[in-house]
Amino acid sequence: MAIEVDGKGRVFVSDIKGVQVFDGNGRYLNVVKISGVAFGIAFDDPGKLYATTNNSKVEKYDVKE
């Protein structure tokens, strides 16, 4: 499991379902579906989400508002 906070204060938590998204108060917002299981997550400066997966690769995702 990995936890990351984006520039908008949203909290991203990776698990077997993908990367779950919560607001700063802990309210569930959405899930980002990941190909495989995400072990590590990070954001770049423009706000793209990167996930390392059990598929031995790093994937990039656009996270919607």
N, C-alpha and C. Protein backbone atom coordinates (compact mmCIF):
# COMPACT_ATOMS: atom_id res chain seq x y z
N MET A 1 0.84 -1.17 0.00
CA MET A 1 0.00 0.00 0.00
C MET A 1 0.89 1.24 0.00
N ALA A 2 0.44 2.26 -0.75
CA ALA A 2 1.15 3.53 -0.79
C ALA A 2 0.13 4.65 -0.60
N ILE A 3 0.60 5.76 -0.03
CA ILE A 3 -0.26 6.93 0.20
C ILE A 3 0.45 8.15 -0.36
N GLU A 4 -0.30 8.99 -1.08
CA GLU A 4 0.26 10.21 -1.67
C GLU A 4 -0.82 11.28 -1.64
N VAL A 5 -0.41 12.54 -1.49
CA VAL A 5 -1.32 13.68 -1.51
C VAL A 5 -0.97 14.54 -2.71
N ASP A 6 -1.99 14.92 -3.50
CA ASP A 6 -1.73 15.76 -4.67
C ASP A 6 -1.75 17.24 -4.30
N GLY A 7 -1.52 18.10 -5.26
CA GLY A 7 -1.47 19.54 -5.04
C GLY A 7 -2.80 20.16 -4.66
N LYS A 8 -3.89 19.40 -4.78
CA LYS A 8 -5.22 19.89 -4.42
C LYS A 8 -5.66 19.38 -3.05
N GLY A 9 -4.77 18.68 -2.35
CA GLY A 9 -5.09 18.18 -1.01
C GLY A 9 -5.84 16.86 -1.00
N ARG A 10 -6.02 16.24 -2.16
CA ARG A 10 -6.68 14.94 -2.21
C ARG A 10 -5.68 13.87 -1.79
N VAL A 11 -6.19 12.83 -1.12
CA VAL A 11 -5.35 11.74 -0.63
C VAL A 11 -5.59 10.52 -1.52
N PHE A 12 -4.50 9.93 -2.00
CA PHE A 12 -4.55 8.77 -2.89
C PHE A 12 -3.95 7.58 -2.15
N VAL A 13 -4.69 6.48 -2.13
CA VAL A 13 -4.26 5.28 -1.41
C VAL A 13 -4.32 4.09 -2.37
N SER A 14 -3.19 3.43 -2.59
CA SER A 14 -3.20 2.27 -3.48
C SER A 14 -3.59 1.03 -2.69
N ASP A 15 -4.36 0.17 -3.34
CA ASP A 15 -4.72 -1.13 -2.77
C ASP A 15 -5.04 -2.07 -3.93
N ILE A 16 -5.60 -3.23 -3.65
CA ILE A 16 -5.84 -4.21 -4.71
C ILE A 16 -6.95 -3.78 -5.67
N LYS A 17 -7.76 -2.78 -5.30
CA LYS A 17 -8.82 -2.28 -6.18
C LYS A 17 -8.32 -1.24 -7.16
N GLY A 18 -7.17 -0.66 -6.92
CA GLY A 18 -6.62 0.42 -7.72
C GLY A 18 -6.05 1.47 -6.79
N VAL A 19 -6.27 2.74 -7.14
CA VAL A 19 -5.85 3.84 -6.27
C VAL A 19 -7.12 4.59 -5.87
N GLN A 20 -7.47 4.50 -4.60
CA GLN A 20 -8.67 5.16 -4.11
C GLN A 20 -8.36 6.61 -3.80
N VAL A 21 -9.33 7.49 -4.06
CA VAL A 21 -9.15 8.93 -3.91
C VAL A 21 -10.10 9.45 -2.83
N PHE A 22 -9.55 10.23 -1.90
CA PHE A 22 -10.32 10.82 -0.81
C PHE A 22 -10.06 12.32 -0.76
N ASP A 23 -11.02 13.08 -0.26
CA ASP A 23 -10.74 14.50 -0.06
C ASP A 23 -9.95 14.67 1.23
N GLY A 24 -9.58 15.90 1.54
CA GLY A 24 -8.77 16.17 2.72
C GLY A 24 -9.43 15.83 4.03
N ASN A 25 -10.77 15.65 4.02
CA ASN A 25 -11.51 15.28 5.22
C ASN A 25 -11.75 13.78 5.32
N GLY A 26 -11.21 13.02 4.36
CA GLY A 26 -11.36 11.57 4.40
C GLY A 26 -12.57 11.04 3.66
N ARG A 27 -13.33 11.91 2.99
CA ARG A 27 -14.52 11.47 2.25
C ARG A 27 -14.10 10.83 0.93
N TYR A 28 -14.61 9.64 0.64
CA TYR A 28 -14.30 8.91 -0.58
C TYR A 28 -14.81 9.69 -1.79
N LEU A 29 -13.95 9.83 -2.83
CA LEU A 29 -14.33 10.54 -4.04
C LEU A 29 -14.42 9.63 -5.27
N ASN A 30 -13.42 8.76 -5.44
CA ASN A 30 -13.33 8.00 -6.69
C ASN A 30 -12.28 6.91 -6.55
N VAL A 31 -12.12 6.13 -7.62
CA VAL A 31 -11.04 5.16 -7.69
C VAL A 31 -10.41 5.26 -9.08
N VAL A 32 -9.10 5.23 -9.13
CA VAL A 32 -8.36 5.18 -10.39
C VAL A 32 -8.04 3.71 -10.63
N LYS A 33 -8.60 3.16 -11.71
CA LYS A 33 -8.35 1.75 -12.04
C LYS A 33 -6.93 1.60 -12.56
N ILE A 34 -6.19 0.69 -11.99
CA ILE A 34 -4.79 0.45 -12.33
C ILE A 34 -4.69 -0.93 -13.00
N SER A 35 -3.83 -1.02 -13.99
CA SER A 35 -3.55 -2.31 -14.62
C SER A 35 -2.61 -3.09 -13.71
N GLY A 36 -3.14 -4.06 -12.98
CA GLY A 36 -2.36 -4.79 -11.98
C GLY A 36 -2.58 -4.19 -10.60
N VAL A 37 -1.62 -4.40 -9.72
CA VAL A 37 -1.68 -3.88 -8.35
C VAL A 37 -0.60 -2.83 -8.18
N ALA A 38 -0.97 -1.64 -7.72
CA ALA A 38 -0.01 -0.55 -7.53
C ALA A 38 0.70 -0.71 -6.20
N PHE A 39 2.04 -0.69 -6.24
CA PHE A 39 2.85 -0.77 -5.02
C PHE A 39 3.40 0.57 -4.60
N GLY A 40 3.57 1.47 -5.55
CA GLY A 40 4.07 2.80 -5.26
C GLY A 40 3.37 3.81 -6.15
N ILE A 41 3.11 5.00 -5.61
CA ILE A 41 2.47 6.05 -6.39
C ILE A 41 3.16 7.38 -6.12
N ALA A 42 3.14 8.26 -7.12
CA ALA A 42 3.75 9.58 -6.99
C ALA A 42 3.13 10.50 -8.03
N PHE A 43 3.25 11.81 -7.80
CA PHE A 43 2.78 12.81 -8.75
C PHE A 43 3.96 13.60 -9.29
N ASP A 44 3.85 14.01 -10.57
CA ASP A 44 4.83 14.94 -11.11
C ASP A 44 4.31 16.36 -10.92
N ASP A 45 5.10 17.38 -11.29
CA ASP A 45 4.69 18.77 -11.07
C ASP A 45 3.38 19.14 -11.77
N PRO A 46 3.13 18.69 -13.01
CA PRO A 46 1.85 19.02 -13.65
C PRO A 46 0.65 18.26 -13.06
N GLY A 47 0.88 17.28 -12.18
CA GLY A 47 -0.22 16.58 -11.53
C GLY A 47 -0.56 15.22 -12.10
N LYS A 48 0.28 14.65 -12.94
CA LYS A 48 0.05 13.30 -13.46
C LYS A 48 0.41 12.29 -12.37
N LEU A 49 -0.40 11.24 -12.27
CA LEU A 49 -0.18 10.18 -11.29
C LEU A 49 0.63 9.06 -11.93
N TYR A 50 1.69 8.65 -11.26
CA TYR A 50 2.52 7.53 -11.71
C TYR A 50 2.37 6.40 -10.70
N ALA A 51 2.23 5.18 -11.21
CA ALA A 51 2.07 4.01 -10.34
C ALA A 51 3.03 2.91 -10.78
N THR A 52 3.79 2.38 -9.83
CA THR A 52 4.57 1.17 -10.09
C THR A 52 3.67 -0.01 -9.78
N THR A 53 3.70 -1.02 -10.65
CA THR A 53 2.76 -2.12 -10.50
C THR A 53 3.46 -3.47 -10.44
N ASN A 54 2.68 -4.48 -10.11
CA ASN A 54 3.20 -5.84 -10.10
C ASN A 54 3.45 -6.36 -11.51
N ASN A 55 3.13 -5.57 -12.52
CA ASN A 55 3.41 -5.92 -13.91
C ASN A 55 4.81 -5.47 -14.33
N SER A 56 5.63 -5.08 -13.35
CA SER A 56 7.02 -4.65 -13.57
C SER A 56 7.12 -3.46 -14.51
N LYS A 57 6.22 -2.51 -14.34
CA LYS A 57 6.32 -1.28 -15.12
C LYS A 57 5.73 -0.11 -14.34
N VAL A 58 6.02 1.08 -14.85
CA VAL A 58 5.47 2.31 -14.28
C VAL A 58 4.43 2.82 -15.27
N GLU A 59 3.25 3.12 -14.77
CA GLU A 59 2.17 3.61 -15.62
C GLU A 59 1.81 5.03 -15.23
N LYS A 60 1.37 5.83 -16.22
CA LYS A 60 1.00 7.23 -15.99
C LYS A 60 -0.50 7.40 -16.20
N TYR A 61 -1.14 8.15 -15.30
CA TYR A 61 -2.58 8.37 -15.36
C TYR A 61 -2.90 9.85 -15.22
N ASP A 62 -3.93 10.29 -15.96
CA ASP A 62 -4.50 11.62 -15.76
C ASP A 62 -5.60 11.48 -14.71
N VAL A 63 -5.53 12.27 -13.68
CA VAL A 63 -6.54 12.21 -12.62
C VAL A 63 -7.49 13.37 -12.84
N LYS A 64 -8.76 13.04 -13.03
CA LYS A 64 -9.78 14.05 -13.29
C LYS A 64 -10.11 14.81 -12.01
N GLU A 65 -10.69 15.98 -12.20
CA GLU A 65 -11.10 16.83 -11.06
C GLU A 65 -12.06 16.12 -10.16
